[in-house]
Amino acid sequence: MRYLFSTGLFGAITTGVSLIRGTRESPVTWRAVLAWVSWAITFSLAIGAVIDTRRYDRGIEVALDSPLAPTQAKRARRDEKEAAKAAASKRARTR
């Protein structure tokens, strides 16, 4: 539910509502078509960000072009280092 109220998605929805109100009774021109295409791109990017955030929070790998990819890689390296340290500690205790 918290993903539904992300700022990008909320902004895209409110922009879509105002775009509907503004183009309801006006003729279809190239500017109106361009505005709708721009809105569709913005909306899809917002949906992609929500999907990436949800995947990141669940520990599922995100796409390499995602803004969360470097953070996820850093977290994976840290977890790997901690696991190696715990294994070394366990080996030292068993000797």
C-alpha atoms as a PDB file:
ATOM      1  CA  MET A   1       0.000   0.000   0.000  1.00  0.00           C
ATOM      2  CA  ARG A   2       2.859   2.359   0.733  1.00  0.00           C
ATOM      3  CA  TYR A   3       4.103   1.965  -2.832  1.00  0.00           C
ATOM      4  CA  LEU A   4       0.774   3.253  -4.101  1.00  0.00           C
ATOM      5  CA  PHE A   5       1.406   6.622  -2.481  1.00  0.00           C
ATOM      6  CA  SER A   6       4.936   7.171  -3.734  1.00  0.00           C
ATOM      7  CA  THR A   7       5.562  10.738  -4.865  1.00  0.00           C
ATOM      8  CA  GLY A   8       6.345   9.843  -8.475  1.00  0.00           C
ATOM      9  CA  LEU A   9       3.199   7.795  -8.905  1.00  0.00           C
ATOM     10  CA  PHE A  10       1.057  10.324  -7.075  1.00  0.00           C
ATOM     11  CA  GLY A  11       2.445  13.134  -9.237  1.00  0.00           C
ATOM     12  CA  ALA A  12       1.829  11.178 -12.442  1.00  0.00           C
ATOM     13  CA  ILE A  13      -1.768  10.443 -11.455  1.00  0.00           C
ATOM     14  CA  THR A  14      -2.535  14.049 -10.532  1.00  0.00           C
ATOM     15  CA  THR A  15      -0.924  15.242 -13.758  1.00  0.00           C
ATOM     16  CA  GLY A  16      -3.067  12.781 -15.691  1.00  0.00           C
ATOM     17  CA  VAL A  17      -6.212  14.088 -14.000  1.00  0.00           C
ATOM     18  CA  SER A  18      -5.355  17.686 -14.841  1.00  0.00           C
ATOM     19  CA  LEU A  19      -4.479  16.647 -18.401  1.00  0.00           C
ATOM     20  CA  ILE A  20      -7.883  15.003 -18.765  1.00  0.00           C
ATOM     21  CA  ARG A  21      -9.597  18.145 -17.498  1.00  0.00           C
ATOM     22  CA  GLY A  22      -7.575  20.372 -19.805  1.00  0.00           C
ATOM     23  CA  THR A  23      -8.087  18.355 -22.966  1.00  0.00           C
ATOM     24  CA  ARG A  24     -11.682  17.272 -22.442  1.00  0.00           C
ATOM     25  CA  GLU A  25     -13.282  19.848 -24.703  1.00  0.00           C
ATOM     26  CA  SER A  26     -10.323  21.064 -26.755  1.00  0.00           C
ATOM     27  CA  PRO A  27      -9.528  19.792 -30.238  1.00  0.00           C
ATOM     28  CA  VAL A  28      -6.853  17.151 -30.720  1.00  0.00           C
ATOM     29  CA  THR A  29      -3.671  18.850 -31.873  1.00  0.00           C
ATOM     30  CA  TRP A  30      -0.078  17.734 -32.046  1.00  0.00           C
ATOM     31  CA  ARG A  31       0.558  19.518 -28.736  1.00  0.00           C
ATOM     32  CA  ALA A  32      -2.194  17.549 -27.029  1.00  0.00           C
ATOM     33  CA  VAL A  33      -0.849  14.284 -28.434  1.00  0.00           C
ATOM     34  CA  LEU A  34       2.643  15.219 -27.281  1.00  0.00           C
ATOM     35  CA  ALA A  35       1.312  16.011 -23.803  1.00  0.00           C
ATOM     36  CA  TRP A  36      -0.365  12.596 -23.599  1.00  0.00           C
ATOM     37  CA  VAL A  37       2.769  10.808 -24.817  1.00  0.00           C
ATOM     38  CA  SER A  38       4.826  12.691 -22.249  1.00  0.00           C
ATOM     39  CA  TRP A  39       2.361  11.750 -19.530  1.00  0.00           C
ATOM     40  CA  ALA A  40       2.434   8.076 -20.567  1.00  0.00           C
ATOM     41  CA  ILE A  41       6.232   8.028 -20.353  1.00  0.00           C
ATOM     42  CA  THR A  42       6.164   9.691 -16.938  1.00  0.00           C
ATOM     43  CA  PHE A  43       3.520   7.280 -15.680  1.00  0.00           C
ATOM     44  CA  SER A  44       5.436   4.215 -16.908  1.00  0.00           C
ATOM     45  CA  LEU A  45       8.649   5.450 -15.287  1.00  0.00           C
ATOM     46  CA  ALA A  46       6.775   5.948 -12.000  1.00  0.00           C
ATOM     47  CA  ILE A  47       5.358   2.410 -12.209  1.00  0.00           C
ATOM     48  CA  GLY A  48       8.865   1.071 -12.941  1.00  0.00           C
ATOM     49  CA  ALA A  49      10.250   2.891  -9.917  1.00  0.00           C
ATOM     50  CA  VAL A  50       7.550   1.373  -7.707  1.00  0.00           C
ATOM     51  CA  ILE A  51       8.320  -2.105  -9.057  1.00  0.00           C
ATOM     52  CA  ASP A  52      12.073  -1.611  -8.516  1.00  0.00           C
ATOM     53  CA  THR A  53      11.507  -0.371  -4.977  1.00  0.00           C
ATOM     54  CA  ARG A  54       9.286  -3.327  -4.167  1.00  0.00           C
ATOM     55  CA  ARG A  55      11.845  -5.776  -5.602  1.00  0.00           C
ATOM     56  CA  TYR A  56      14.654  -4.067  -3.679  1.00  0.00           C
ATOM     57  CA  ASP A  57      12.733  -4.251  -0.407  1.00  0.00           C
ATOM     58  CA  ARG A  58      12.028  -7.961  -0.908  1.00  0.00           C
ATOM     59  CA  GLY A  59      15.645  -8.734  -1.796  1.00  0.00           C
ATOM     60  CA  ILE A  60      14.908  -9.609  -5.421  1.00  0.00           C
ATOM     61  CA  GLU A  61      17.475  -8.487  -7.977  1.00  0.00           C
ATOM     62  CA  VAL A  62      16.612  -5.237  -9.759  1.00  0.00           C
ATOM     63  CA  ALA A  63      17.579  -4.336 -13.327  1.00  0.00           C
ATOM     64  CA  LEU A  64      21.056  -2.935 -13.880  1.00  0.00           C
ATOM     65  CA  ASP A  65      19.650   0.331 -15.243  1.00  0.00           C
ATOM     66  CA  SER A  66      17.647   0.922 -12.065  1.00  0.00           C
ATOM     67  CA  PRO A  67      18.757   3.711  -9.714  1.00  0.00           C
ATOM     68  CA  LEU A  68      18.649   1.117  -6.922  1.00  0.00           C
ATOM     69  CA  ALA A  69      21.118  -1.264  -8.620  1.00  0.00           C
ATOM     70  CA  PRO A  70      24.320   0.250  -7.108  1.00  0.00           C
ATOM     71  CA  THR A  71      22.779   0.225  -3.640  1.00  0.00           C
ATOM     72  CA  GLN A  72      21.700  -3.376  -4.066  1.00  0.00           C
ATOM     73  CA  ALA A  73      25.160  -4.393  -5.272  1.00  0.00           C
ATOM     74  CA  LYS A  74      26.712  -2.654  -2.277  1.00  0.00           C
ATOM     75  CA  ARG A  75      24.316  -4.481   0.059  1.00  0.00           C
ATOM     76  CA  ALA A  76      25.172  -7.827  -1.607  1.00  0.00           C
ATOM     77  CA  ARG A  77      28.919  -7.210  -1.189  1.00  0.00           C
ATOM     78  CA  ARG A  78      28.398  -6.287   2.463  1.00  0.00           C
ATOM     79  CA  ASP A  79      26.288  -9.401   3.107  1.00  0.00           C
ATOM     80  CA  GLU A  80      28.881 -11.562   1.358  1.00  0.00           C
ATOM     81  CA  LYS A  81      31.653 -10.064   3.471  1.00  0.00           C
ATOM     82  CA  GLU A  82      29.667 -10.635   6.675  1.00  0.00           C
ATOM     83  CA  ALA A  83      28.957 -14.251   5.690  1.00  0.00           C
ATOM     84  CA  ALA A  84      32.662 -14.868   5.021  1.00  0.00           C
ATOM     85  CA  LYS A  85      33.553 -13.301   8.353  1.00  0.00           C
ATOM     86  CA  ALA A  86      30.991 -15.469  10.178  1.00  0.00           C
ATOM     87  CA  ALA A  87      32.304 -18.597   8.435  1.00  0.00           C
ATOM     88  CA  ALA A  88      35.868 -17.732   9.399  1.00  0.00           C
ATOM     89  CA  SER A  89      34.779 -17.133  12.979  1.00  0.00           C
ATOM     90  CA  LYS A  90      32.985 -20.470  13.078  1.00  0.00           C
ATOM     91  CA  ARG A  91      36.053 -22.264  11.692  1.00  0.00           C
ATOM     92  CA  ALA A  92      38.244 -20.605  14.317  1.00  0.00           C
ATOM     93  CA  ARG A  93      35.950 -21.730  17.143  1.00  0.00           C
ATOM     94  CA  THR A  94      35.873 -25.361  15.979  1.00  0.00           C
ATOM     95  CA  ARG A  95      39.673 -25.691  16.089  1.00  0.00           C
END
